[in-house]
Amino acid sequence: IGTPVKALPSGPEWKAAAGITLQETLTAWADKADCPNGGHWVVIWQTPVDYRIEAPLTFRGSFESALDQVFDLYRPAEKRLYAEANRAQCLVSVTGRPVDR
């Protein structure tokens, strides 16, 4: 018996090209991601840590889903990045440490 195949998430396709940085990628995605309140999302990068994308990546789903997927890939990195999305303001904040609640 084989392993069931998971269906790909539906929705827009988000691509990250090799050779550019994660910050550049997320900023470009935000510029084209529609905000529920009108306009587009904005990324605020509050850390000197950034990673160059080594190989092309493609994600499917909502902008927020693509963010979750891309940050999951970088979870084991030596210097972790933490993202918090604020849907009311259409703002994504990226920092080098977890957000205190």
N, C-alpha and C. Protein backbone atom coordinates (compact mmCIF):
# COMPACT_ATOMS: atom_id res chain seq x y z
N ILE A 1 0.86 -1.18 0.00
CA ILE A 1 0.00 0.00 0.00
C ILE A 1 0.90 1.23 0.00
N GLY A 2 0.62 2.14 -0.91
CA GLY A 2 1.42 3.36 -1.04
C GLY A 2 0.96 4.44 -0.07
N THR A 3 1.75 5.46 0.00
CA THR A 3 1.41 6.61 0.83
C THR A 3 0.45 7.52 0.06
N PRO A 4 -0.61 7.97 0.72
CA PRO A 4 -1.54 8.87 0.03
C PRO A 4 -0.83 10.16 -0.40
N VAL A 5 -1.22 10.66 -1.53
CA VAL A 5 -0.64 11.91 -2.03
C VAL A 5 -1.47 13.07 -1.50
N LYS A 6 -0.78 14.06 -0.93
CA LYS A 6 -1.47 15.24 -0.43
C LYS A 6 -1.75 16.19 -1.59
N ALA A 7 -2.93 16.73 -1.62
CA ALA A 7 -3.26 17.72 -2.65
C ALA A 7 -2.51 19.01 -2.37
N LEU A 8 -2.07 19.67 -3.43
CA LEU A 8 -1.42 20.96 -3.26
C LEU A 8 -2.45 21.98 -2.83
N PRO A 9 -2.05 22.92 -1.97
CA PRO A 9 -3.00 23.96 -1.60
C PRO A 9 -3.45 24.72 -2.85
N SER A 10 -4.69 25.16 -2.83
CA SER A 10 -5.17 25.95 -3.97
C SER A 10 -4.86 27.42 -3.71
N GLY A 11 -5.01 28.21 -4.73
CA GLY A 11 -4.76 29.64 -4.57
C GLY A 11 -3.60 30.09 -5.43
N PRO A 12 -3.18 31.33 -5.24
CA PRO A 12 -2.11 31.89 -6.06
C PRO A 12 -0.79 31.15 -5.87
N GLU A 13 0.08 31.32 -6.83
CA GLU A 13 1.41 30.71 -6.76
C GLU A 13 2.40 31.81 -6.37
N TRP A 14 3.27 31.48 -5.42
CA TRP A 14 4.28 32.42 -4.92
C TRP A 14 5.65 31.83 -5.24
N LYS A 15 6.44 32.55 -6.00
CA LYS A 15 7.75 32.03 -6.42
C LYS A 15 8.87 32.85 -5.79
N ALA A 16 9.94 32.13 -5.45
CA ALA A 16 11.16 32.76 -4.94
C ALA A 16 12.30 32.31 -5.84
N ALA A 17 12.97 33.25 -6.47
CA ALA A 17 14.05 32.93 -7.40
C ALA A 17 15.37 32.74 -6.66
N ALA A 18 16.19 31.84 -7.17
CA ALA A 18 17.52 31.63 -6.60
C ALA A 18 18.34 32.90 -6.79
N GLY A 19 19.17 33.21 -5.79
CA GLY A 19 20.09 34.33 -5.91
C GLY A 19 19.61 35.62 -5.27
N ILE A 20 18.30 35.75 -5.01
CA ILE A 20 17.84 36.95 -4.31
C ILE A 20 17.62 36.60 -2.85
N THR A 21 17.41 37.61 -2.03
CA THR A 21 17.29 37.34 -0.60
C THR A 21 15.85 37.08 -0.19
N LEU A 22 15.72 36.52 0.99
CA LEU A 22 14.40 36.27 1.55
C LEU A 22 13.65 37.59 1.73
N GLN A 23 14.34 38.61 2.21
CA GLN A 23 13.70 39.92 2.39
C GLN A 23 13.18 40.47 1.06
N GLU A 24 13.98 40.40 0.02
CA GLU A 24 13.55 40.87 -1.30
C GLU A 24 12.34 40.09 -1.79
N THR A 25 12.36 38.78 -1.57
CA THR A 25 11.26 37.93 -2.00
C THR A 25 9.96 38.28 -1.28
N LEU A 26 10.03 38.37 0.05
CA LEU A 26 8.81 38.65 0.81
C LEU A 26 8.26 40.04 0.52
N THR A 27 9.15 41.00 0.29
CA THR A 27 8.71 42.35 -0.06
C THR A 27 7.99 42.35 -1.41
N ALA A 28 8.54 41.61 -2.37
CA ALA A 28 7.89 41.51 -3.70
C ALA A 28 6.54 40.82 -3.58
N TRP A 29 6.46 39.75 -2.78
CA TRP A 29 5.19 39.06 -2.59
C TRP A 29 4.16 40.01 -1.98
N ALA A 30 4.58 40.76 -0.93
CA ALA A 30 3.67 41.66 -0.23
C ALA A 30 3.13 42.73 -1.18
N ASP A 31 3.98 43.20 -2.09
CA ASP A 31 3.57 44.24 -3.04
C ASP A 31 2.44 43.78 -3.95
N LYS A 32 2.32 42.47 -4.16
CA LYS A 32 1.25 41.99 -5.04
C LYS A 32 0.14 41.25 -4.29
N ALA A 33 0.29 41.12 -2.97
CA ALA A 33 -0.73 40.43 -2.16
C ALA A 33 -1.82 41.41 -1.75
N ASP A 34 -3.05 41.11 -2.14
CA ASP A 34 -4.16 41.97 -1.78
C ASP A 34 -4.43 41.89 -0.28
N CYS A 35 -4.64 43.05 0.30
CA CYS A 35 -4.96 43.15 1.72
C CYS A 35 -6.48 43.09 1.87
N PRO A 36 -6.99 42.38 2.88
CA PRO A 36 -8.44 42.32 3.08
C PRO A 36 -9.08 43.70 3.24
N ASN A 37 -8.31 44.68 3.71
CA ASN A 37 -8.85 46.03 3.94
C ASN A 37 -8.55 46.99 2.80
N GLY A 38 -8.09 46.46 1.68
CA GLY A 38 -7.72 47.30 0.54
C GLY A 38 -6.22 47.52 0.50
N GLY A 39 -5.70 47.80 -0.65
CA GLY A 39 -4.25 48.00 -0.79
C GLY A 39 -3.51 46.67 -0.78
N HIS A 40 -2.26 46.73 -0.37
CA HIS A 40 -1.41 45.53 -0.34
C HIS A 40 -0.72 45.41 1.01
N TRP A 41 -0.13 44.25 1.24
CA TRP A 41 0.61 43.99 2.47
C TRP A 41 1.93 44.76 2.44
N VAL A 42 2.50 44.98 3.63
CA VAL A 42 3.79 45.64 3.78
C VAL A 42 4.66 44.77 4.69
N VAL A 43 5.94 44.62 4.33
CA VAL A 43 6.89 43.87 5.15
C VAL A 43 7.82 44.86 5.84
N ILE A 44 7.95 44.74 7.15
CA ILE A 44 8.92 45.54 7.91
C ILE A 44 9.97 44.56 8.43
N TRP A 45 11.20 44.71 7.94
CA TRP A 45 12.31 43.80 8.26
C TRP A 45 13.12 44.45 9.36
N GLN A 46 13.06 43.90 10.58
CA GLN A 46 13.67 44.53 11.75
C GLN A 46 14.86 43.75 12.28
N THR A 47 15.62 43.13 11.39
CA THR A 47 16.79 42.36 11.80
C THR A 47 17.84 42.45 10.70
N PRO A 48 19.13 42.42 11.07
CA PRO A 48 20.16 42.40 10.03
C PRO A 48 20.27 41.03 9.35
N VAL A 49 19.65 40.01 9.92
CA VAL A 49 19.73 38.65 9.37
C VAL A 49 18.85 38.56 8.13
N ASP A 50 19.42 38.02 7.07
CA ASP A 50 18.68 37.78 5.83
C ASP A 50 19.35 36.58 5.17
N TYR A 51 18.62 35.84 4.40
CA TYR A 51 19.18 34.65 3.75
C TYR A 51 19.02 34.75 2.24
N ARG A 52 20.08 34.39 1.53
CA ARG A 52 20.02 34.30 0.07
C ARG A 52 19.33 32.98 -0.27
N ILE A 53 18.43 33.03 -1.22
CA ILE A 53 17.71 31.83 -1.63
C ILE A 53 18.61 31.04 -2.58
N GLU A 54 18.90 29.80 -2.20
CA GLU A 54 19.87 28.97 -2.92
C GLU A 54 19.27 28.27 -4.13
N ALA A 55 18.00 27.94 -4.07
CA ALA A 55 17.34 27.22 -5.16
C ALA A 55 15.93 27.79 -5.32
N PRO A 56 15.39 27.77 -6.54
CA PRO A 56 14.04 28.31 -6.74
C PRO A 56 13.00 27.59 -5.87
N LEU A 57 12.07 28.36 -5.35
CA LEU A 57 11.00 27.83 -4.50
C LEU A 57 9.66 28.27 -5.06
N THR A 58 8.66 27.41 -4.90
CA THR A 58 7.29 27.75 -5.30
C THR A 58 6.34 27.28 -4.21
N PHE A 59 5.44 28.16 -3.82
CA PHE A 59 4.42 27.84 -2.83
C PHE A 59 3.06 28.19 -3.42
N ARG A 60 2.03 27.51 -2.93
CA ARG A 60 0.66 27.81 -3.37
C ARG A 60 -0.19 28.10 -2.14
N GLY A 61 -1.17 28.94 -2.33
CA GLY A 61 -2.08 29.27 -1.24
C GLY A 61 -2.14 30.78 -1.05
N SER A 62 -2.73 31.19 0.04
CA SER A 62 -2.83 32.62 0.34
C SER A 62 -1.45 33.18 0.66
N PHE A 63 -1.34 34.48 0.70
CA PHE A 63 -0.09 35.14 1.07
C PHE A 63 0.36 34.68 2.45
N GLU A 64 -0.58 34.65 3.40
CA GLU A 64 -0.23 34.23 4.76
C GLU A 64 0.20 32.77 4.81
N SER A 65 -0.43 31.93 4.01
CA SER A 65 -0.03 30.52 3.92
C SER A 65 1.38 30.40 3.35
N ALA A 66 1.68 31.18 2.31
CA ALA A 66 3.02 31.16 1.72
C ALA A 66 4.06 31.61 2.74
N LEU A 67 3.74 32.61 3.55
CA LEU A 67 4.65 33.06 4.61
C LEU A 67 4.94 31.92 5.57
N ASP A 68 3.88 31.24 6.02
CA ASP A 68 4.05 30.11 6.93
C ASP A 68 4.97 29.06 6.32
N GLN A 69 4.73 28.75 5.05
CA GLN A 69 5.52 27.71 4.38
C GLN A 69 6.99 28.10 4.26
N VAL A 70 7.26 29.35 3.89
CA VAL A 70 8.65 29.76 3.70
C VAL A 70 9.37 29.85 5.04
N PHE A 71 8.71 30.33 6.09
CA PHE A 71 9.37 30.41 7.39
C PHE A 71 9.58 29.02 8.00
N ASP A 72 8.72 28.06 7.67
CA ASP A 72 8.95 26.67 8.10
C ASP A 72 10.27 26.15 7.54
N LEU A 73 10.59 26.52 6.30
CA LEU A 73 11.85 26.07 5.69
C LEU A 73 13.07 26.61 6.43
N TYR A 74 12.96 27.81 6.96
CA TYR A 74 14.10 28.45 7.62
C TYR A 74 14.13 28.21 9.13
N ARG A 75 13.19 27.44 9.64
CA ARG A 75 13.15 27.18 11.08
C ARG A 75 14.45 26.57 11.62
N PRO A 76 15.08 25.61 10.89
CA PRO A 76 16.32 25.03 11.44
C PRO A 76 17.57 25.90 11.24
N ALA A 77 17.44 27.07 10.65
CA ALA A 77 18.61 27.92 10.38
C ALA A 77 19.32 28.29 11.68
N GLU A 78 20.61 28.53 11.57
CA GLU A 78 21.42 28.89 12.74
C GLU A 78 20.88 30.15 13.41
N LYS A 79 20.55 31.16 12.61
CA LYS A 79 19.95 32.39 13.13
C LYS A 79 18.51 32.43 12.64
N ARG A 80 17.60 32.12 13.55
CA ARG A 80 16.18 32.04 13.17
C ARG A 80 15.59 33.41 12.91
N LEU A 81 14.58 33.39 12.09
CA LEU A 81 13.78 34.57 11.83
C LEU A 81 12.37 34.31 12.32
N TYR A 82 11.73 35.34 12.81
CA TYR A 82 10.37 35.22 13.33
C TYR A 82 9.49 36.24 12.61
N ALA A 83 8.37 35.78 12.14
CA ALA A 83 7.45 36.67 11.43
C ALA A 83 6.12 36.71 12.15
N GLU A 84 5.55 37.89 12.19
CA GLU A 84 4.22 38.05 12.75
C GLU A 84 3.40 38.88 11.77
N ALA A 85 2.25 38.35 11.40
CA ALA A 85 1.38 39.05 10.45
C ALA A 85 0.22 39.69 11.21
N ASN A 86 -0.03 40.94 10.91
CA ASN A 86 -1.16 41.66 11.49
C ASN A 86 -2.15 41.92 10.35
N ARG A 87 -3.20 41.13 10.30
CA ARG A 87 -4.16 41.21 9.21
C ARG A 87 -4.90 42.55 9.19
N ALA A 88 -5.19 43.12 10.36
CA ALA A 88 -5.92 44.39 10.41
C ALA A 88 -5.13 45.51 9.75
N GLN A 89 -3.80 45.47 9.89
CA GLN A 89 -2.94 46.51 9.30
C GLN A 89 -2.27 46.05 8.01
N CYS A 90 -2.43 44.76 7.67
CA CYS A 90 -1.76 44.18 6.50
C CYS A 90 -0.26 44.40 6.60
N LEU A 91 0.27 44.05 7.74
CA LEU A 91 1.67 44.29 8.06
C LEU A 91 2.33 42.99 8.49
N VAL A 92 3.50 42.71 7.93
CA VAL A 92 4.29 41.55 8.35
C VAL A 92 5.57 42.09 8.96
N SER A 93 5.81 41.73 10.21
CA SER A 93 7.00 42.16 10.91
C SER A 93 7.95 40.97 11.04
N VAL A 94 9.20 41.13 10.59
CA VAL A 94 10.19 40.06 10.66
C VAL A 94 11.29 40.51 11.62
N THR A 95 11.55 39.67 12.63
CA THR A 95 12.56 40.00 13.64
C THR A 95 13.48 38.81 13.85
N GLY A 96 14.51 39.04 14.66
CA GLY A 96 15.46 37.98 14.96
C GLY A 96 15.19 37.28 16.27
N ARG A 97 14.08 37.62 16.91
CA ARG A 97 13.73 36.94 18.16
C ARG A 97 12.22 36.82 18.29
N PRO A 98 11.78 35.85 19.10
CA PRO A 98 10.33 35.64 19.23
C PRO A 98 9.64 36.87 19.82
N VAL A 99 8.41 37.05 19.44
CA VAL A 99 7.62 38.17 19.95
C VAL A 99 7.12 37.81 21.34
N ASP A 100 7.34 38.71 22.31
CA ASP A 100 6.83 38.49 23.66
C ASP A 100 5.35 38.84 23.69
N ARG A 101 4.57 38.00 24.35
CA ARG A 101 3.13 38.26 24.45
C ARG A 101 2.75 38.48 25.88
